[in-house]
Amino acid sequence: MGKTRAVPATLITRIAELVTNEGDLGVYTAIENAALVIEDGVVAWSGPSSRAPAADAVIDAGRRAVLPGFVDSHAHLIFGGERSAEFAARMAGRPYQAGGIRTTVRATRAASDAALRANLRRLADEMLAQGTTTFECKSGYGLTVPDEERAVALAAEVTPEVTYLGAHVVPPEYTDDVAGYVDLVRGPMLKACAPHARWIDVFCEDGAFGGDETAAILAAGRAAGLAARVHANQLGPGPGVQVAARADAAAVDHCTYLTDADVDAITGTGMVATLLPGAEFSTRHPYPDARRLLAAGATVALATDCNPGSSFTSSMAFCIALAVREMKMTTEEALWSATAGGARALRRTDVGHLGTGARADLILLDAPSHAYLAYRPGVPLVAAVWQAGNLVAGSPRGLMSLRLAGDAGPEGGGARCFQFGVRPPLRGAGYARLDQVQAVEQAAHPRVVAPGHPAGG
């Protein structure tokens, strides 16, 4: 790291378990009794605490676990209204059907830009506080040219991973002219939305779009410079996986009903199979067979599918717990899929891991091991979150107290030291509020963020 640094370095030490996911093997990797150095927004070093280099600031993790920030590669965050009555009816026995999306379409079309933006930012902040430092965001609840264009433009304010999903369902005004709507989606609507998006997606399912329609829409999107991803095989067997494979899709999402040929297509093309257990929890559909995919050598990602109808959760930790309990994934497999797997689904190499040079997106758990995410389901275990080296979320009460030592505290001398303590919060002149530590972090790692934006990747 050198003796002279233009950018201050921060050392996080006394980490009980540092999950790095380092390397190209696609497997969970971790270091016990570890330390990590952040410099200029990236991971500059990781290894045993006993060999940690000097740094300008030191954070004592207090024998807790540090993980890569979660990467949520499938979310629908731009919508109006809510559908709790539909959820309650479904829990009372009414089956889920894709047509419920039209309820949200009506509410979204009626919503103002300000209302949609406020809801989007609320959900993005909610994700960040729970450790999600990178997320994808889809359109798909406007289904007119101006409504879809404003959706992707709003999404681009908070994340670079924007997906154009004009082909979510056929809107009511096109019920008798599906071909006309497909032409709209791959023509004027695509032209308006492509400048704001990186991805194109289609809901290939009975009640939405068939295989030929999906292929035509994806081909138009790729010609416009958008990479493909597909909702497929959620509600029953269908052509979605095969169409996605032929379109060189980065990921095929849901994957609940797969044939052997579908599994072969996923493993043969290198597509990521993104599993969305929140949807199965909320719809009481069977969970995807994760063990079958993993045994075949597929790359698996986990994502929330956050949306107001079939999976209204923003918690990647909840999805990890479901994957372990209901899909029989190990805790290591589930965490890898929620971090490195999500990064692969977005074709990102800078996030999802904490190898040298990775963006310094990390989570400090109020627990000694990642396994607590499934071992203690529903418990708020995220004590602090860093994004690109900046402390962006944490709990100032109860879960975390911070002690300043060195030149700012009673112990004197040396680098600033921030100690993440345990309940109950400690008091006294030697202890700093979270906002004070954030100020120090901001000075060490300056950033420019538009007011109200979650600075998302």
Protein backbone atom coordinates (compact mmCIF):
# COMPACT_ATOMS: atom_id res chain seq x y z
CA MET A 1 0.00 0.00 0.00
CA GLY A 2 3.04 2.29 0.26
CA LYS A 3 4.17 4.74 2.91
CA THR A 4 2.50 7.80 1.41
CA ARG A 5 -1.16 7.77 0.42
CA ALA A 6 -2.98 10.46 -1.53
CA VAL A 7 -6.29 8.93 -0.39
CA PRO A 8 -6.84 7.97 3.26
CA ALA A 9 -7.15 4.24 3.95
CA THR A 10 -9.56 2.60 6.38
CA LEU A 11 -8.75 -0.69 8.08
CA ILE A 12 -11.56 -2.90 9.38
CA THR A 13 -10.03 -5.38 11.80
CA ARG A 14 -11.06 -8.11 14.25
CA ILE A 15 -13.52 -9.59 11.74
CA ALA A 16 -14.69 -13.01 12.90
CA GLU A 17 -15.60 -14.09 9.36
CA LEU A 18 -14.78 -12.13 6.20
CA VAL A 19 -16.68 -13.50 3.22
CA THR A 20 -14.73 -12.55 0.10
CA ASN A 21 -16.11 -14.82 -2.68
CA GLU A 22 -12.73 -14.20 -4.24
CA GLY A 23 -11.70 -16.02 -7.41
CA ASP A 24 -13.37 -17.29 -10.55
CA LEU A 25 -14.45 -20.71 -9.29
CA GLY A 26 -17.96 -19.56 -8.43
CA VAL A 27 -17.84 -20.75 -4.84
CA TYR A 28 -18.14 -19.20 -1.42
CA THR A 29 -14.81 -18.24 0.15
CA ALA A 30 -14.14 -16.72 3.56
CA ILE A 31 -11.29 -15.81 5.92
CA GLU A 32 -11.55 -16.20 9.70
CA ASN A 33 -9.95 -13.73 12.13
CA ALA A 34 -9.62 -11.32 9.26
CA ALA A 35 -9.08 -7.70 8.32
CA LEU A 36 -9.80 -5.61 5.25
CA VAL A 37 -8.50 -2.28 3.94
CA ILE A 38 -10.60 0.19 1.96
CA GLU A 39 -8.82 2.82 -0.11
CA ASP A 40 -10.24 5.11 -2.80
CA GLY A 41 -13.58 3.31 -2.72
CA VAL A 42 -12.23 -0.18 -3.42
CA VAL A 43 -10.85 -3.12 -1.48
CA ALA A 44 -7.09 -2.58 -1.28
CA TRP A 45 -6.16 -5.57 0.90
CA SER A 46 -7.69 -8.46 2.85
CA GLY A 47 -6.18 -11.17 4.97
CA PRO A 48 -5.52 -12.25 8.56
CA SER A 49 -5.87 -9.53 11.20
CA SER A 50 -2.39 -10.38 12.46
CA ARG A 51 -0.90 -9.24 9.14
CA ALA A 52 -3.01 -6.13 8.60
CA PRO A 53 -1.12 -3.08 7.31
CA ALA A 54 -1.30 0.37 8.86
CA ALA A 55 -4.12 2.70 7.85
CA ASP A 56 -5.37 6.21 8.52
CA ALA A 57 -8.53 5.03 10.28
CA VAL A 58 -9.25 1.77 12.07
CA ILE A 59 -12.65 0.13 12.60
CA ASP A 60 -12.86 -2.60 15.20
CA ALA A 61 -15.51 -5.05 13.96
CA GLY A 62 -15.75 -6.61 17.42
CA ARG A 63 -15.55 -10.22 16.20
CA ARG A 64 -18.44 -9.83 13.80
CA ALA A 65 -18.92 -11.02 10.23
CA VAL A 66 -18.31 -8.85 7.17
CA LEU A 67 -19.95 -9.78 3.85
CA PRO A 68 -20.07 -8.35 0.34
CA GLY A 69 -23.03 -6.08 -0.22
CA PHE A 70 -26.06 -7.92 -1.56
CA VAL A 71 -26.69 -7.72 -5.32
CA ASP A 72 -30.42 -7.83 -6.09
CA SER A 73 -30.67 -8.56 -9.81
CA HIS A 74 -34.48 -8.60 -10.11
CA ALA A 75 -36.75 -5.87 -8.71
CA HIS A 76 -39.83 -3.90 -9.78
CA LEU A 77 -39.69 -0.68 -7.77
CA ILE A 78 -41.59 1.84 -9.90
CA PHE A 79 -45.30 1.50 -9.28
CA GLY A 80 -48.34 3.18 -7.85
CA GLY A 81 -50.77 1.75 -5.32
CA GLU A 82 -50.53 -1.51 -3.40
CA ARG A 83 -52.19 -4.95 -3.51
CA SER A 84 -52.53 -6.13 0.08
CA ALA A 85 -56.17 -7.12 -0.48
CA GLU A 86 -55.07 -9.39 -3.33
CA PHE A 87 -52.44 -10.97 -1.08
CA ALA A 88 -54.98 -11.58 1.67
CA ALA A 89 -57.39 -13.17 -0.80
CA ARG A 90 -54.64 -15.36 -2.16
CA MET A 91 -53.78 -16.53 1.34
CA ALA A 92 -57.46 -17.39 1.71
CA GLY A 93 -57.25 -19.72 -1.27
CA ARG A 94 -57.50 -17.75 -4.51
CA PRO A 95 -54.67 -18.77 -6.91
CA TYR A 96 -52.19 -16.24 -8.28
CA GLN A 97 -52.54 -15.26 -11.94
CA ALA A 98 -50.48 -12.85 -14.01
CA GLY A 99 -53.49 -10.58 -14.65
CA GLY A 100 -53.10 -8.95 -11.22
CA ILE A 101 -50.36 -6.84 -12.76
CA ARG A 102 -53.05 -4.79 -14.51
CA THR A 103 -54.23 -3.50 -11.13
CA THR A 104 -50.84 -1.91 -10.60
CA VAL A 105 -50.79 -0.62 -14.18
CA ARG A 106 -53.93 1.43 -13.52
CA ALA A 107 -52.48 2.89 -10.30
CA THR A 108 -49.11 3.63 -11.90
CA ARG A 109 -50.59 5.44 -14.86
CA ALA A 110 -52.60 7.62 -12.46
CA ALA A 111 -49.62 8.42 -10.21
CA SER A 112 -47.61 11.61 -10.51
CA ASP A 113 -43.90 11.61 -11.24
CA ALA A 114 -43.29 12.91 -7.73
CA ALA A 115 -45.25 10.06 -6.14
CA LEU A 116 -43.46 7.40 -8.20
CA ARG A 117 -40.07 8.96 -7.45
CA ALA A 118 -40.78 9.13 -3.73
CA ASN A 119 -41.86 5.48 -3.59
CA LEU A 120 -38.84 4.40 -5.63
CA ARG A 121 -36.41 6.21 -3.35
CA ARG A 122 -38.14 4.90 -0.23
CA LEU A 123 -37.71 1.32 -1.45
CA ALA A 124 -34.12 1.97 -2.59
CA ASP A 125 -33.28 3.36 0.85
CA GLU A 126 -35.01 0.38 2.46
CA MET A 127 -32.85 -1.98 0.40
CA LEU A 128 -29.66 -0.12 1.26
CA ALA A 129 -30.38 -0.21 4.99
CA GLN A 130 -30.69 -4.00 4.71
CA GLY A 131 -27.37 -4.40 2.90
CA THR A 132 -28.32 -4.26 -0.77
CA THR A 133 -25.70 -2.09 -2.42
CA THR A 134 -26.44 -2.95 -6.07
CA PHE A 135 -29.88 -3.51 -7.53
CA GLU A 136 -31.63 -3.83 -10.85
CA CYS A 137 -34.90 -1.97 -11.47
CA LYS A 138 -37.52 -2.70 -14.14
CA SER A 139 -40.25 -0.71 -15.78
CA GLY A 140 -43.41 -2.61 -16.71
CA TYR A 141 -46.30 -0.98 -14.88
CA GLY A 142 -46.98 1.81 -17.38
CA LEU A 143 -47.36 -0.03 -20.70
CA THR A 144 -47.76 3.14 -22.75
CA VAL A 145 -44.88 4.91 -24.45
CA PRO A 146 -44.82 7.94 -22.08
CA ASP A 147 -45.42 5.84 -18.94
CA GLU A 148 -42.69 3.33 -19.75
CA GLU A 149 -40.28 6.10 -20.72
CA ARG A 150 -40.81 7.91 -17.41
CA ALA A 151 -40.36 4.64 -15.52
CA VAL A 152 -36.94 3.88 -17.01
CA ALA A 153 -35.90 7.51 -16.63
CA LEU A 154 -36.81 7.43 -12.94
CA ALA A 155 -35.00 4.12 -12.47
CA ALA A 156 -31.87 5.59 -14.05
CA GLU A 157 -31.79 8.20 -11.28
CA VAL A 158 -30.98 5.53 -8.69
CA THR A 159 -29.23 2.66 -10.49
CA PRO A 160 -27.34 1.96 -13.72
CA GLU A 161 -29.01 -1.47 -13.89
CA VAL A 162 -32.22 -0.37 -15.60
CA THR A 163 -34.43 -2.86 -17.42
CA TYR A 164 -37.06 -2.00 -20.00
CA LEU A 165 -40.03 -4.34 -19.41
CA GLY A 166 -42.70 -3.00 -21.72
CA ALA A 167 -43.54 -6.65 -22.35
CA HIS A 168 -44.80 -7.33 -18.82
CA VAL A 169 -48.42 -8.04 -19.78
CA VAL A 170 -50.70 -6.93 -22.60
CA PRO A 171 -52.62 -3.88 -21.35
CA PRO A 172 -56.43 -3.90 -21.48
CA GLU A 173 -56.65 -1.52 -24.45
CA TYR A 174 -54.75 -4.09 -26.57
CA THR A 175 -56.62 -7.21 -25.43
CA ASP A 176 -57.95 -7.74 -28.97
CA ASP A 177 -54.73 -6.68 -30.70
CA VAL A 178 -51.80 -8.49 -29.10
CA ALA A 179 -49.77 -8.25 -32.30
CA GLY A 180 -50.29 -4.49 -32.30
CA TYR A 181 -48.98 -4.22 -28.76
CA VAL A 182 -45.93 -6.35 -29.59
CA ASP A 183 -45.22 -3.96 -32.47
CA LEU A 184 -45.52 -1.02 -30.08
CA VAL A 185 -43.16 -2.62 -27.55
CA ARG A 186 -40.47 -3.36 -30.10
CA GLY A 187 -41.00 -0.12 -32.02
CA PRO A 188 -41.89 3.31 -30.63
CA MET A 189 -41.80 2.24 -26.96
CA LEU A 190 -38.36 0.66 -27.33
CA LYS A 191 -37.06 3.74 -29.14
CA ALA A 192 -38.20 5.96 -26.26
CA CYS A 193 -36.91 3.70 -23.48
CA ALA A 194 -33.61 2.35 -24.82
CA PRO A 195 -31.58 5.51 -24.07
CA HIS A 196 -32.34 5.10 -20.35
CA ALA A 197 -31.88 1.33 -20.06
CA ARG A 198 -29.19 -1.35 -20.11
CA TRP A 199 -31.47 -4.40 -20.32
CA ILE A 200 -34.63 -5.64 -22.02
CA ASP A 201 -36.92 -8.19 -20.38
CA VAL A 202 -40.08 -10.09 -21.32
CA PHE A 203 -42.56 -11.97 -19.13
CA CYS A 204 -42.77 -15.17 -21.18
CA GLU A 205 -45.75 -16.96 -19.63
CA ASP A 206 -49.33 -18.00 -20.27
CA GLY A 207 -51.37 -14.86 -19.78
CA ALA A 208 -48.46 -12.66 -20.86
CA PHE A 209 -46.28 -13.32 -23.95
CA GLY A 210 -45.62 -16.48 -25.95
CA GLY A 211 -42.31 -17.78 -27.25
CA ASP A 212 -42.44 -16.18 -30.69
CA GLU A 213 -43.53 -12.84 -29.30
CA THR A 214 -40.77 -12.96 -26.69
CA ALA A 215 -38.14 -13.78 -29.31
CA ALA A 216 -39.23 -10.89 -31.53
CA ILE A 217 -39.17 -8.37 -28.67
CA LEU A 218 -35.75 -9.53 -27.43
CA ALA A 219 -34.31 -9.37 -30.95
CA ALA A 220 -35.49 -5.77 -31.33
CA GLY A 221 -34.02 -4.88 -27.96
CA ARG A 222 -30.67 -6.40 -28.78
CA ALA A 223 -30.62 -4.52 -32.09
CA ALA A 224 -31.15 -1.35 -30.06
CA GLY A 225 -28.13 -2.18 -27.87
CA LEU A 226 -29.92 -3.69 -24.87
CA ALA A 227 -28.85 -7.00 -23.35
CA ALA A 228 -31.51 -9.62 -22.67
CA ARG A 229 -32.98 -11.16 -19.53
CA VAL A 230 -36.25 -13.09 -19.29
CA HIS A 231 -39.01 -13.94 -16.80
CA ALA A 232 -39.63 -17.61 -17.58
CA ASN A 233 -41.29 -20.78 -16.34
CA GLN A 234 -42.78 -19.24 -13.21
CA LEU A 235 -46.39 -20.35 -13.48
CA GLY A 236 -45.87 -23.51 -15.50
CA PRO A 237 -43.71 -25.16 -18.17
CA GLY A 238 -43.12 -23.04 -21.24
CA PRO A 239 -40.68 -21.91 -23.93
CA GLY A 240 -39.12 -19.05 -21.95
CA VAL A 241 -35.82 -20.70 -20.99
CA GLN A 242 -35.16 -21.88 -24.54
CA VAL A 243 -35.98 -18.46 -26.00
CA ALA A 244 -33.69 -16.80 -23.45
CA ALA A 245 -30.85 -19.15 -24.34
CA ARG A 246 -31.16 -18.35 -28.05
CA ALA A 247 -31.18 -14.62 -27.23
CA ASP A 248 -27.91 -14.85 -25.26
CA ALA A 249 -29.72 -13.67 -22.15
CA ALA A 250 -27.60 -12.90 -19.10
CA ALA A 251 -30.19 -14.45 -16.82
CA VAL A 252 -33.43 -16.34 -16.85
CA ASP A 253 -35.54 -15.60 -13.80
CA HIS A 254 -38.03 -17.66 -11.73
CA CYS A 255 -37.21 -21.11 -13.21
CA THR A 256 -39.85 -22.90 -11.14
CA TYR A 257 -40.99 -25.36 -13.81
CA LEU A 258 -38.01 -26.69 -15.75
CA THR A 259 -37.59 -29.64 -18.08
CA ASP A 260 -34.29 -31.47 -18.46
CA ALA A 261 -33.81 -29.61 -21.74
CA ASP A 262 -34.27 -26.31 -19.91
CA VAL A 263 -31.61 -27.20 -17.35
CA ASP A 264 -29.28 -28.20 -20.18
CA ALA A 265 -29.92 -24.85 -21.90
CA ILE A 266 -29.08 -22.95 -18.71
CA THR A 267 -25.84 -24.82 -18.07
CA GLY A 268 -24.86 -25.02 -21.73
CA THR A 269 -25.11 -21.29 -22.37
CA GLY A 270 -23.86 -19.99 -19.04
CA MET A 271 -27.08 -18.11 -18.34
CA VAL A 272 -27.64 -17.40 -14.66
CA ALA A 273 -30.73 -19.01 -13.16
CA THR A 274 -32.16 -16.32 -10.86
CA LEU A 275 -34.41 -17.81 -8.20
CA LEU A 276 -36.98 -15.60 -6.50
CA PRO A 277 -38.24 -17.42 -3.39
CA GLY A 278 -40.17 -14.39 -2.19
CA ALA A 279 -42.60 -14.96 -5.05
CA GLU A 280 -43.21 -18.57 -4.06
CA PHE A 281 -43.65 -17.52 -0.43
CA SER A 282 -46.26 -14.95 -1.46
CA THR A 283 -48.11 -17.03 -4.08
CA ARG A 284 -47.84 -20.49 -2.49
CA HIS A 285 -46.45 -21.89 -5.72
CA PRO A 286 -43.83 -24.64 -5.45
CA TYR A 287 -40.31 -23.39 -4.83
CA PRO A 288 -37.72 -23.84 -7.62
CA ASP A 289 -35.52 -26.92 -7.36
CA ALA A 290 -32.24 -25.23 -6.52
CA ARG A 291 -30.48 -28.50 -5.77
CA ARG A 292 -31.24 -29.79 -9.26
CA LEU A 293 -29.75 -26.67 -10.83
CA LEU A 294 -26.68 -26.67 -8.60
CA ALA A 295 -26.06 -30.38 -9.19
CA ALA A 296 -26.15 -29.72 -12.94
CA GLY A 297 -23.51 -27.01 -12.61
CA ALA A 298 -25.76 -24.00 -13.13
CA THR A 299 -24.87 -20.57 -11.79
CA VAL A 300 -27.64 -19.57 -9.40
CA ALA A 301 -28.56 -16.09 -8.19
CA LEU A 302 -31.06 -15.08 -5.53
CA ALA A 303 -33.11 -11.89 -5.80
CA THR A 304 -36.12 -10.36 -4.10
CA ASP A 305 -38.44 -9.80 -7.08
CA CYS A 306 -39.64 -6.84 -5.01
CA ASN A 307 -43.03 -5.84 -6.45
CA PRO A 308 -46.43 -4.89 -5.01
CA GLY A 309 -48.26 -8.01 -6.13
CA SER A 310 -46.39 -11.29 -5.84
CA SER A 311 -43.31 -10.55 -3.69
CA PHE A 312 -43.48 -7.35 -1.71
CA THR A 313 -40.19 -7.78 0.13
CA SER A 314 -36.96 -5.83 -0.22
CA SER A 315 -35.04 -8.14 2.11
CA MET A 316 -32.28 -10.23 0.59
CA ALA A 317 -31.72 -11.74 4.05
CA PHE A 318 -35.28 -13.04 4.02
CA CYS A 319 -34.71 -14.58 0.59
CA ILE A 320 -31.53 -16.24 1.85
CA ALA A 321 -33.46 -17.75 4.75
CA LEU A 322 -36.15 -19.04 2.37
CA ALA A 323 -33.51 -20.49 0.04
CA VAL A 324 -31.89 -22.38 2.90
CA ARG A 325 -35.11 -23.63 4.50
CA GLU A 326 -37.35 -24.19 1.47
CA MET A 327 -34.94 -24.76 -1.43
CA LYS A 328 -32.39 -26.79 0.52
CA MET A 329 -29.44 -24.57 -0.31
CA THR A 330 -26.57 -24.44 2.16
CA THR A 331 -25.96 -21.13 3.91
CA GLU A 332 -22.77 -20.71 1.87
CA GLU A 333 -24.56 -21.37 -1.43
CA ALA A 334 -27.38 -18.98 -0.57
CA LEU A 335 -25.06 -16.15 0.42
CA TRP A 336 -22.91 -16.62 -2.68
CA SER A 337 -26.03 -16.55 -4.85
CA ALA A 338 -27.25 -13.34 -3.18
CA THR A 339 -23.94 -11.59 -3.78
CA ALA A 340 -21.63 -13.03 -6.46
CA GLY A 341 -24.50 -14.82 -8.21
CA GLY A 342 -26.46 -11.58 -8.52
CA ALA A 343 -23.37 -9.86 -9.88
CA ARG A 344 -23.03 -12.53 -12.56
CA ALA A 345 -26.71 -12.13 -13.45
CA LEU A 346 -25.91 -8.45 -14.13
CA ARG A 347 -22.59 -9.27 -15.83
CA ARG A 348 -20.74 -7.24 -13.21
CA THR A 349 -17.23 -8.08 -11.99
CA ASP A 350 -16.78 -5.16 -9.59
CA VAL A 351 -19.43 -6.15 -7.03
CA GLY A 352 -20.60 -9.30 -5.24
CA HIS A 353 -17.14 -10.07 -3.85
CA LEU A 354 -14.46 -8.46 -1.70
CA GLY A 355 -11.36 -9.39 -3.64
CA THR A 356 -8.64 -6.81 -4.20
CA GLY A 357 -9.91 -4.13 -6.56
CA ALA A 358 -13.59 -4.84 -5.93
CA ARG A 359 -15.85 -1.91 -5.15
CA ALA A 360 -15.88 -1.60 -1.37
CA ASP A 361 -19.53 -2.55 -0.87
CA LEU A 362 -19.77 -4.44 2.39
CA ILE A 363 -22.06 -5.36 5.25
CA LEU A 364 -21.15 -5.60 8.92
CA LEU A 365 -23.46 -8.11 10.60
CA ASP A 366 -24.38 -7.99 14.26
CA ALA A 367 -23.41 -11.67 14.32
CA PRO A 368 -20.21 -13.74 14.10
CA SER A 369 -21.18 -15.67 10.97
CA HIS A 370 -23.11 -15.28 7.72
CA ALA A 371 -25.15 -18.32 8.77
CA TYR A 372 -27.11 -16.10 11.15
CA LEU A 373 -28.97 -14.70 8.14
CA ALA A 374 -30.85 -18.02 8.01
CA TYR A 375 -30.28 -19.09 11.62
CA ARG A 376 -32.05 -15.98 12.96
CA PRO A 377 -34.66 -15.25 10.24
CA GLY A 378 -36.54 -12.00 10.50
CA VAL A 379 -34.03 -10.42 12.89
CA PRO A 380 -32.42 -7.12 11.77
CA LEU A 381 -28.79 -8.20 11.77
CA VAL A 382 -27.27 -5.53 9.50
CA ALA A 383 -25.26 -3.24 11.78
CA ALA A 384 -23.62 -1.09 9.09
CA VAL A 385 -23.30 -0.84 5.31
CA TRP A 386 -20.52 0.64 3.18
CA GLN A 387 -20.98 1.48 -0.48
CA ALA A 388 -17.92 2.33 -2.57
CA GLY A 389 -16.04 2.81 0.69
CA ASN A 390 -18.59 5.18 2.23
CA LEU A 391 -20.51 4.36 5.40
CA VAL A 392 -24.09 4.75 4.11
CA ALA A 393 -26.28 2.91 6.60
CA GLY A 394 -26.19 1.78 10.18
CA SER A 395 -28.17 1.79 13.38
CA PRO A 396 -27.32 4.56 15.84
CA ARG A 397 -29.31 2.91 18.61
CA GLY A 398 -29.11 -0.50 20.17
CA LEU A 399 -27.22 -2.50 17.60
CA MET A 400 -24.19 -0.29 17.23
CA SER A 401 -22.21 2.09 19.35
CA LEU A 402 -19.05 3.75 18.15
CA ARG A 403 -15.99 4.71 20.15
CA LEU A 404 -13.48 7.25 18.98
CA ALA A 405 -9.95 6.69 20.22
CA GLY A 406 -6.67 8.24 19.19
CA ASP A 407 -6.75 11.96 18.51
CA ALA A 408 -10.55 12.15 18.96
CA GLY A 409 -10.97 10.07 22.10
CA PRO A 410 -9.75 9.56 25.60
CA GLU A 411 -7.02 7.05 24.80
CA GLY A 412 -4.88 9.44 22.79
CA GLY A 413 -2.41 8.98 19.97
CA GLY A 414 -2.50 7.06 16.71
CA ALA A 415 -5.18 6.67 14.07
CA ARG A 416 -8.84 7.27 14.62
CA CYS A 417 -10.46 4.07 15.89
CA PHE A 418 -14.16 3.28 15.52
CA GLN A 419 -15.31 0.37 17.65
CA PHE A 420 -18.59 -1.32 16.83
CA GLY A 421 -19.84 -2.31 20.26
CA VAL A 422 -22.66 -4.48 21.53
CA ARG A 423 -26.00 -3.84 23.18
CA PRO A 424 -26.75 -1.76 25.19
CA PRO A 425 -25.33 1.39 23.57
CA LEU A 426 -22.46 2.86 25.52
CA ARG A 427 -22.42 6.47 26.70
CA GLY A 428 -19.81 9.00 27.63
CA ALA A 429 -17.39 11.49 26.16
CA GLY A 430 -15.39 8.78 24.39
CA TYR A 431 -18.31 7.62 22.25
CA ALA A 432 -19.43 9.14 18.99
CA ARG A 433 -22.79 9.31 17.30
CA LEU A 434 -23.22 7.58 13.94
CA ASP A 435 -23.45 10.92 12.15
CA GLN A 436 -19.99 11.85 13.50
CA VAL A 437 -18.48 8.67 12.11
CA GLN A 438 -20.24 9.23 8.80
CA ALA A 439 -18.67 12.68 8.68
CA VAL A 440 -15.21 11.18 9.19
CA GLU A 441 -15.91 8.56 6.49
CA GLN A 442 -17.13 11.26 4.12
CA ALA A 443 -13.93 13.23 4.68
CA ALA A 444 -11.86 10.11 3.98
CA HIS A 445 -13.87 9.07 0.92
CA PRO A 446 -15.59 12.14 -0.58
CA ARG A 447 -18.54 11.61 -2.87
CA VAL A 448 -21.05 13.79 -4.68
CA VAL A 449 -24.62 12.55 -4.44
CA ALA A 450 -27.78 14.30 -5.58
CA PRO A 451 -30.04 15.09 -2.60
CA GLY A 452 -32.24 12.15 -1.73
CA HIS A 453 -30.49 9.69 -3.99
CA PRO A 454 -29.23 6.39 -2.51
CA ALA A 455 -26.02 6.57 -4.56
CA GLY A 456 -26.82 3.13 -5.89
CA GLY A 457 -24.87 0.88 -8.15
